[in-house]
Amino acid sequence: MKRIPQLMPRTQTILSQMGEQIKLARLRRNTSAKLVAERAGISRQTLVEIEKGSPRVAMGYYAAVLQALGNMDSDLLLVAKDDELGRKLQDLGLTTGKRASRG
């Protein structure tokens, strides 16, 4: 039996919104679920689960569907692109010296 990740409610909401956006992208293109699933190399049922925002589906399948919808997978590069919290935490650990290190 496949283990289901336990997500915080906010994260599940985000995943559900992502699934809805994928479905809307497919519908805007007037492309059937069957065709998108075939292009992505997945079953139609897996596509249904993706469009519901299921955490049971591996992210690689989400990426395959985005690619099948017309190379939308490059949008995945936006994930954590501007890591504001990480940058603040990093800056807290930096000490101010007279010079920058040689590199």
Foldseek 3Di string as FASTA:
>chain_A
DQDADDDDPVVQVVLQVQLCVLVVLCVVVVHDLCQLCVQLVHHSVLNVCSSRSGSSDDVSSVLSSCVSSPHNSVCVVVVCPPVPVVVVVVVVPDDDDPDDDDD
